[in-house]
Amino acid sequence: MGETVFESAQALAVVEYARRKRGDEAEYLWAKAPKNAILRRQDSGKWYAAILTVERRKLGGGVKKARLDDGPGAFGTETVEVLNLKGDPDEIRYLVDGSLFFPAYHMNKRHWYALVLDGSLGDAEIFERLDASWEEVGRGNGRRRSA
């Protein structure tokens, strides 16, 4: 069993779900970003998810105007764990609302979108979307990487 550095219950649940369902382990690729990881298909080596720790303000969308007494994180500097997933560009265009779904952080925004792992969406929906991303990455994958 692999180690994880994530703090949110949903990030931990995503890692565990990928491990249980497909035997995939979170891979921590960046020394400068040790709280970021990817999940990749074992057959092709392609990423189907990225779990990233970012400041909420970097997602864009509807960040409320803060008052001085709103406390830490009020100005969008709160750190959150997000899940980047691959999707159909036509669906993403309508899905991204700046509230539950965001343009993907550090990914091609036409093919990827993000959601915050803060309980805004239920685990079942997140797992369905994770499975859909896994499928989307596998589409047209006629060649398989040899093991």
C-alpha atoms as a PDB file:
ATOM      1  CA  MET A   1       0.000   0.000   0.000  1.00  0.00           C
ATOM      2  CA  GLY A   2       1.264   3.422  -0.956  1.00  0.00           C
ATOM      3  CA  GLU A   3       1.586   6.435   1.289  1.00  0.00           C
ATOM      4  CA  THR A   4      -0.439   9.586   0.736  1.00  0.00           C
ATOM      5  CA  VAL A   5       0.097  13.184   1.768  1.00  0.00           C
ATOM      6  CA  PHE A   6      -3.441  14.375   1.244  1.00  0.00           C
ATOM      7  CA  GLU A   7      -5.500  15.815   4.072  1.00  0.00           C
ATOM      8  CA  SER A   8      -9.100  15.928   2.846  1.00  0.00           C
ATOM      9  CA  ALA A   9     -11.256  12.862   3.327  1.00  0.00           C
ATOM     10  CA  GLN A  10     -12.273  13.020  -0.329  1.00  0.00           C
ATOM     11  CA  ALA A  11      -8.701  13.114  -1.648  1.00  0.00           C
ATOM     12  CA  LEU A  12      -7.905  10.091   0.494  1.00  0.00           C
ATOM     13  CA  ALA A  13     -11.081   8.381  -0.764  1.00  0.00           C
ATOM     14  CA  VAL A  14     -10.102   9.026  -4.415  1.00  0.00           C
ATOM     15  CA  VAL A  15      -6.661   7.486  -3.871  1.00  0.00           C
ATOM     16  CA  GLU A  16      -8.176   4.475  -2.103  1.00  0.00           C
ATOM     17  CA  TYR A  17     -10.869   4.033  -4.774  1.00  0.00           C
ATOM     18  CA  ALA A  18      -8.259   4.016  -7.578  1.00  0.00           C
ATOM     19  CA  ARG A  19      -6.151   1.530  -5.614  1.00  0.00           C
ATOM     20  CA  ARG A  20      -9.097  -0.801  -4.920  1.00  0.00           C
ATOM     21  CA  LYS A  21     -10.781  -0.604  -8.331  1.00  0.00           C
ATOM     22  CA  ARG A  22      -7.770  -0.696 -10.650  1.00  0.00           C
ATOM     23  CA  GLY A  23      -4.669  -1.263  -8.548  1.00  0.00           C
ATOM     24  CA  ASP A  24      -3.471   2.252  -9.394  1.00  0.00           C
ATOM     25  CA  GLU A  25      -1.244   4.092  -6.944  1.00  0.00           C
ATOM     26  CA  ALA A  26      -0.897   7.844  -6.624  1.00  0.00           C
ATOM     27  CA  GLU A  27       2.406   8.949  -8.144  1.00  0.00           C
ATOM     28  CA  TYR A  28       4.166  11.980  -6.718  1.00  0.00           C
ATOM     29  CA  LEU A  29       6.175  13.301  -9.656  1.00  0.00           C
ATOM     30  CA  TRP A  30       7.331  16.734  -8.572  1.00  0.00           C
ATOM     31  CA  ALA A  31       9.883  17.415  -5.841  1.00  0.00           C
ATOM     32  CA  LYS A  32       8.841  21.078  -5.805  1.00  0.00           C
ATOM     33  CA  ALA A  33       5.174  20.102  -5.353  1.00  0.00           C
ATOM     34  CA  PRO A  34       5.191  17.113  -2.981  1.00  0.00           C
ATOM     35  CA  LYS A  35       1.456  17.453  -2.219  1.00  0.00           C
ATOM     36  CA  ASN A  36       0.492  16.881  -5.857  1.00  0.00           C
ATOM     37  CA  ALA A  37      -0.003  13.496  -7.463  1.00  0.00           C
ATOM     38  CA  ILE A  38      -1.348  11.848 -10.577  1.00  0.00           C
ATOM     39  CA  LEU A  39      -3.206   8.639 -11.322  1.00  0.00           C
ATOM     40  CA  ARG A  40      -2.396   6.912 -14.593  1.00  0.00           C
ATOM     41  CA  ARG A  41      -3.774   4.044 -16.630  1.00  0.00           C
ATOM     42  CA  GLN A  42      -1.576   0.993 -16.299  1.00  0.00           C
ATOM     43  CA  ASP A  43      -2.189  -0.126 -19.888  1.00  0.00           C
ATOM     44  CA  SER A  44      -1.136   3.115 -21.607  1.00  0.00           C
ATOM     45  CA  GLY A  45       0.680   5.079 -18.929  1.00  0.00           C
ATOM     46  CA  LYS A  46      -1.572   8.077 -19.602  1.00  0.00           C
ATOM     47  CA  TRP A  47      -2.808  10.232 -16.752  1.00  0.00           C
ATOM     48  CA  TYR A  48      -6.511  10.144 -16.004  1.00  0.00           C
ATOM     49  CA  ALA A  49      -6.468  12.274 -12.857  1.00  0.00           C
ATOM     50  CA  ALA A  50      -4.329  14.747 -10.983  1.00  0.00           C
ATOM     51  CA  ILE A  51      -4.819  15.617  -7.327  1.00  0.00           C
ATOM     52  CA  LEU A  52      -3.360  19.037  -6.672  1.00  0.00           C
ATOM     53  CA  THR A  53      -3.048  21.267  -3.631  1.00  0.00           C
ATOM     54  CA  VAL A  54      -3.666  24.881  -4.686  1.00  0.00           C
ATOM     55  CA  GLU A  55      -4.956  28.192  -3.409  1.00  0.00           C
ATOM     56  CA  ARG A  56      -8.696  28.383  -4.089  1.00  0.00           C
ATOM     57  CA  ARG A  57      -8.288  31.760  -5.827  1.00  0.00           C
ATOM     58  CA  LYS A  58      -6.216  30.105  -8.559  1.00  0.00           C
ATOM     59  CA  LEU A  59      -9.294  28.186  -9.710  1.00  0.00           C
ATOM     60  CA  GLY A  60     -11.134  31.339 -10.731  1.00  0.00           C
ATOM     61  CA  GLY A  61     -14.878  31.238 -10.543  1.00  0.00           C
ATOM     62  CA  GLY A  62     -17.082  32.851  -7.966  1.00  0.00           C
ATOM     63  CA  VAL A  63     -14.869  33.788  -5.033  1.00  0.00           C
ATOM     64  CA  LYS A  64     -16.979  35.963  -2.734  1.00  0.00           C
ATOM     65  CA  LYS A  65     -15.871  39.443  -1.798  1.00  0.00           C
ATOM     66  CA  ALA A  66     -14.176  39.257   1.554  1.00  0.00           C
ATOM     67  CA  ARG A  67     -14.574  41.473   4.565  1.00  0.00           C
ATOM     68  CA  LEU A  68     -11.734  42.112   6.976  1.00  0.00           C
ATOM     69  CA  ASP A  69     -13.428  40.021   9.670  1.00  0.00           C
ATOM     70  CA  ASP A  70     -13.985  36.981   7.429  1.00  0.00           C
ATOM     71  CA  GLY A  71     -10.758  35.392   8.687  1.00  0.00           C
ATOM     72  CA  PRO A  72      -7.984  33.371   7.006  1.00  0.00           C
ATOM     73  CA  GLY A  73      -8.751  32.156   3.504  1.00  0.00           C
ATOM     74  CA  ALA A  74     -11.362  34.845   2.948  1.00  0.00           C
ATOM     75  CA  PHE A  75      -9.416  36.349   0.090  1.00  0.00           C
ATOM     76  CA  GLY A  76      -9.136  33.031  -1.716  1.00  0.00           C
ATOM     77  CA  THR A  77      -5.732  32.144  -0.294  1.00  0.00           C
ATOM     78  CA  GLU A  78      -7.198  29.103   1.448  1.00  0.00           C
ATOM     79  CA  THR A  79      -5.405  25.945   0.284  1.00  0.00           C
ATOM     80  CA  VAL A  80      -7.667  23.237  -1.151  1.00  0.00           C
ATOM     81  CA  GLU A  81      -7.166  19.866  -2.788  1.00  0.00           C
ATOM     82  CA  VAL A  82      -8.589  19.652  -6.296  1.00  0.00           C
ATOM     83  CA  LEU A  83      -9.119  16.785  -8.680  1.00  0.00           C
ATOM     84  CA  ASN A  84      -8.373  17.392 -12.361  1.00  0.00           C
ATOM     85  CA  LEU A  85     -10.206  14.999 -14.673  1.00  0.00           C
ATOM     86  CA  LYS A  86     -10.316  14.515 -18.423  1.00  0.00           C
ATOM     87  CA  GLY A  87     -13.640  14.941 -20.164  1.00  0.00           C
ATOM     88  CA  ASP A  88     -15.364  15.466 -23.462  1.00  0.00           C
ATOM     89  CA  PRO A  89     -14.750  19.075 -24.577  1.00  0.00           C
ATOM     90  CA  ASP A  90     -18.452  19.635 -25.363  1.00  0.00           C
ATOM     91  CA  GLU A  91     -19.453  18.469 -21.887  1.00  0.00           C
ATOM     92  CA  ILE A  92     -16.719  20.504 -20.190  1.00  0.00           C
ATOM     93  CA  ARG A  93     -17.897  23.658 -21.936  1.00  0.00           C
ATOM     94  CA  TYR A  94     -21.264  23.337 -20.203  1.00  0.00           C
ATOM     95  CA  LEU A  95     -20.046  21.718 -16.990  1.00  0.00           C
ATOM     96  CA  VAL A  96     -17.595  24.389 -15.829  1.00  0.00           C
ATOM     97  CA  ASP A  97     -19.633  26.799 -13.710  1.00  0.00           C
ATOM     98  CA  GLY A  98     -17.057  28.392 -11.398  1.00  0.00           C
ATOM     99  CA  SER A  99     -18.906  27.005  -8.397  1.00  0.00           C
ATOM    100  CA  LEU A 100     -18.686  23.196  -8.424  1.00  0.00           C
ATOM    101  CA  PHE A 101     -16.631  22.689 -11.573  1.00  0.00           C
ATOM    102  CA  PHE A 102     -13.677  24.808 -12.652  1.00  0.00           C
ATOM    103  CA  PRO A 103     -11.272  25.114 -15.561  1.00  0.00           C
ATOM    104  CA  ALA A 104      -8.504  22.600 -14.961  1.00  0.00           C
ATOM    105  CA  TYR A 105      -5.591  23.909 -12.969  1.00  0.00           C
ATOM    106  CA  HIS A 106      -2.339  23.607 -14.975  1.00  0.00           C
ATOM    107  CA  MET A 107      -3.907  21.404 -17.661  1.00  0.00           C
ATOM    108  CA  ASN A 108      -5.470  21.882 -21.090  1.00  0.00           C
ATOM    109  CA  LYS A 109      -8.751  23.558 -20.159  1.00  0.00           C
ATOM    110  CA  ARG A 110     -10.516  22.291 -23.268  1.00  0.00           C
ATOM    111  CA  HIS A 111      -9.999  18.640 -22.316  1.00  0.00           C
ATOM    112  CA  TRP A 112      -9.660  18.802 -18.524  1.00  0.00           C
ATOM    113  CA  TYR A 113     -11.711  20.259 -15.676  1.00  0.00           C
ATOM    114  CA  ALA A 114     -11.311  20.503 -11.918  1.00  0.00           C
ATOM    115  CA  LEU A 115     -13.464  19.988  -8.866  1.00  0.00           C
ATOM    116  CA  VAL A 116     -12.656  20.816  -5.261  1.00  0.00           C
ATOM    117  CA  LEU A 117     -12.393  17.867  -2.857  1.00  0.00           C
ATOM    118  CA  ASP A 118     -14.178  19.674  -0.029  1.00  0.00           C
ATOM    119  CA  GLY A 119     -17.484  17.809   0.201  1.00  0.00           C
ATOM    120  CA  SER A 120     -19.267  20.034  -2.339  1.00  0.00           C
ATOM    121  CA  LEU A 121     -19.857  16.896  -4.408  1.00  0.00           C
ATOM    122  CA  GLY A 122     -20.592  13.449  -3.012  1.00  0.00           C
ATOM    123  CA  ASP A 123     -18.047  10.642  -3.221  1.00  0.00           C
ATOM    124  CA  ALA A 124     -20.297   8.596  -5.544  1.00  0.00           C
ATOM    125  CA  GLU A 125     -20.385  11.388  -8.141  1.00  0.00           C
ATOM    126  CA  ILE A 126     -16.647  11.947  -7.844  1.00  0.00           C
ATOM    127  CA  PHE A 127     -15.973   8.222  -8.366  1.00  0.00           C
ATOM    128  CA  GLU A 128     -18.289   8.188 -11.425  1.00  0.00           C
ATOM    129  CA  ARG A 129     -16.384  11.133 -12.862  1.00  0.00           C
ATOM    130  CA  LEU A 130     -13.054   9.461 -12.077  1.00  0.00           C
ATOM    131  CA  ASP A 131     -14.213   6.344 -13.949  1.00  0.00           C
ATOM    132  CA  ALA A 132     -15.398   8.485 -16.879  1.00  0.00           C
ATOM    133  CA  SER A 133     -12.003  10.200 -17.009  1.00  0.00           C
ATOM    134  CA  TRP A 134     -10.275   6.798 -17.023  1.00  0.00           C
ATOM    135  CA  GLU A 135     -12.513   5.795 -19.962  1.00  0.00           C
ATOM    136  CA  GLU A 136     -11.965   9.117 -21.773  1.00  0.00           C
ATOM    137  CA  VAL A 137      -8.187   8.732 -21.560  1.00  0.00           C
ATOM    138  CA  GLY A 138      -8.505   5.210 -22.968  1.00  0.00           C
ATOM    139  CA  ARG A 139     -10.597   6.186 -26.016  1.00  0.00           C
ATOM    140  CA  GLY A 140      -8.765   5.624 -29.274  1.00  0.00           C
ATOM    141  CA  ASN A 141      -5.978   3.873 -27.447  1.00  0.00           C
ATOM    142  CA  GLY A 142      -5.389   1.280 -30.151  1.00  0.00           C
ATOM    143  CA  ARG A 143      -1.753   0.812 -29.188  1.00  0.00           C
ATOM    144  CA  ARG A 144      -0.963  -0.551 -25.783  1.00  0.00           C
ATOM    145  CA  ARG A 145       2.277   0.035 -23.981  1.00  0.00           C
ATOM    146  CA  SER A 146       4.117  -3.211 -23.377  1.00  0.00           C
ATOM    147  CA  ALA A 147       4.581  -4.098 -19.742  1.00  0.00           C
END
